[in-house]
Amino acid sequence: MIVPSFRLYHFAVKLIWKRMLMLALLFWLGLAGVYYIVNGMTIWHEYHGWLPLMIAGTYFLFMDVKLMLIMMRHKEKKKWKRYKLENKFNE
């Protein structure tokens, strides 16, 4: 299990929140466009108050996946750095 430091987590959130918000909004605009073309009615007539919750859920899902990837990449860099240092001392 990856338990990141709060500083790293906070820095990563500050770095990506705008991009993930745009990704979620573009995703839902595309989905709304396809829904309108297929069904001939807008998606908010079908889902009323649930639509903002679904958009927010998608945003947090995209955010969590991106943060997980950042944290995993950070851990891998630390492992490689440690591996390089150990090999340097063994020579």
Protein backbone atom coordinates (compact mmCIF):
# COMPACT_ATOMS: atom_id res chain seq x y z
CA MET A 1 0.00 0.00 0.00
CA ILE A 2 1.29 3.42 -0.95
CA VAL A 3 1.02 5.99 1.83
CA PRO A 4 2.26 9.32 0.46
CA SER A 5 3.49 12.21 2.51
CA PHE A 6 1.03 15.05 2.87
CA ARG A 7 3.43 17.49 1.18
CA LEU A 8 3.75 15.30 -1.90
CA TYR A 9 -0.02 14.73 -2.04
CA HIS A 10 -0.75 18.46 -1.65
CA PHE A 11 1.80 19.38 -4.32
CA ALA A 12 0.36 16.81 -6.74
CA VAL A 13 -3.21 18.05 -6.18
CA LYS A 14 -2.16 21.65 -6.78
CA LEU A 15 -0.41 20.52 -9.94
CA ILE A 16 -3.25 18.60 -11.61
CA TRP A 17 -6.65 19.77 -10.33
CA LYS A 18 -7.34 22.13 -13.24
CA ARG A 19 -6.43 19.54 -15.88
CA MET A 20 -8.61 16.88 -14.25
CA LEU A 21 -11.52 19.33 -14.02
CA MET A 22 -11.22 20.11 -17.73
CA LEU A 23 -10.94 16.39 -18.53
CA ALA A 24 -14.10 15.60 -16.57
CA LEU A 25 -16.03 18.47 -18.16
CA LEU A 26 -14.91 17.55 -21.67
CA PHE A 27 -15.79 13.92 -20.99
CA TRP A 28 -19.31 14.88 -19.91
CA LEU A 29 -19.78 17.33 -22.77
CA GLY A 30 -18.90 14.54 -25.19
CA LEU A 31 -21.19 12.14 -23.37
CA ALA A 32 -24.01 14.70 -23.40
CA GLY A 33 -23.50 15.26 -27.13
CA VAL A 34 -23.64 11.54 -27.90
CA TYR A 35 -26.70 11.14 -25.64
CA TYR A 36 -28.47 13.99 -27.45
CA ILE A 37 -27.68 12.56 -30.89
CA VAL A 38 -28.84 9.06 -29.94
CA ASN A 39 -31.94 9.87 -27.86
CA GLY A 40 -33.01 13.27 -29.22
CA MET A 41 -33.24 14.79 -25.73
CA THR A 42 -30.71 16.36 -23.42
CA ILE A 43 -29.04 14.34 -20.71
CA TRP A 44 -30.10 16.73 -17.90
CA HIS A 45 -33.76 16.10 -18.67
CA GLU A 46 -33.16 12.44 -17.96
CA TYR A 47 -30.95 12.71 -14.87
CA HIS A 48 -32.02 16.08 -13.34
CA GLY A 49 -30.21 16.51 -10.00
CA TRP A 50 -28.04 13.43 -10.37
CA LEU A 51 -26.00 14.87 -13.22
CA PRO A 52 -23.87 17.24 -11.07
CA LEU A 53 -23.18 14.36 -8.69
CA MET A 54 -22.13 12.14 -11.58
CA ILE A 55 -19.84 14.87 -12.95
CA ALA A 56 -18.28 15.39 -9.50
CA GLY A 57 -17.83 11.65 -9.09
CA THR A 58 -16.10 11.42 -12.45
CA TYR A 59 -13.83 14.33 -11.53
CA PHE A 60 -12.78 12.68 -8.27
CA LEU A 61 -12.29 9.34 -10.02
CA PHE A 62 -9.99 10.92 -12.63
CA MET A 63 -8.20 12.82 -9.84
CA ASP A 64 -7.64 9.67 -7.76
CA VAL A 65 -6.31 7.67 -10.70
CA LYS A 66 -3.90 10.44 -11.72
CA LEU A 67 -2.71 10.92 -8.12
CA MET A 68 -2.17 7.17 -7.76
CA LEU A 69 -0.05 7.16 -10.92
CA ILE A 70 1.98 10.13 -9.68
CA MET A 71 2.60 8.48 -6.31
CA MET A 72 3.59 5.18 -7.91
CA ARG A 73 6.00 6.95 -10.26
CA HIS A 74 7.50 8.84 -7.32
CA LYS A 75 8.05 5.61 -5.38
CA GLU A 76 9.66 3.98 -8.43
CA LYS A 77 12.06 6.91 -8.80
CA LYS A 78 13.08 6.55 -5.15
CA LYS A 79 13.68 2.81 -5.65
CA TRP A 80 15.83 3.42 -8.72
CA LYS A 81 17.79 6.11 -6.92
CA ARG A 82 18.45 3.75 -4.00
CA TYR A 83 19.40 0.97 -6.43
CA LYS A 84 21.91 3.24 -8.21
CA LEU A 85 23.44 4.32 -4.91
CA GLU A 86 23.78 0.72 -3.68
CA ASN A 87 25.50 -0.33 -6.90
CA LYS A 88 27.83 2.64 -6.69
CA PHE A 89 28.97 1.64 -3.21
CA ASN A 90 29.36 -2.02 -4.14
CA GLU A 91 31.87 -1.29 -6.92
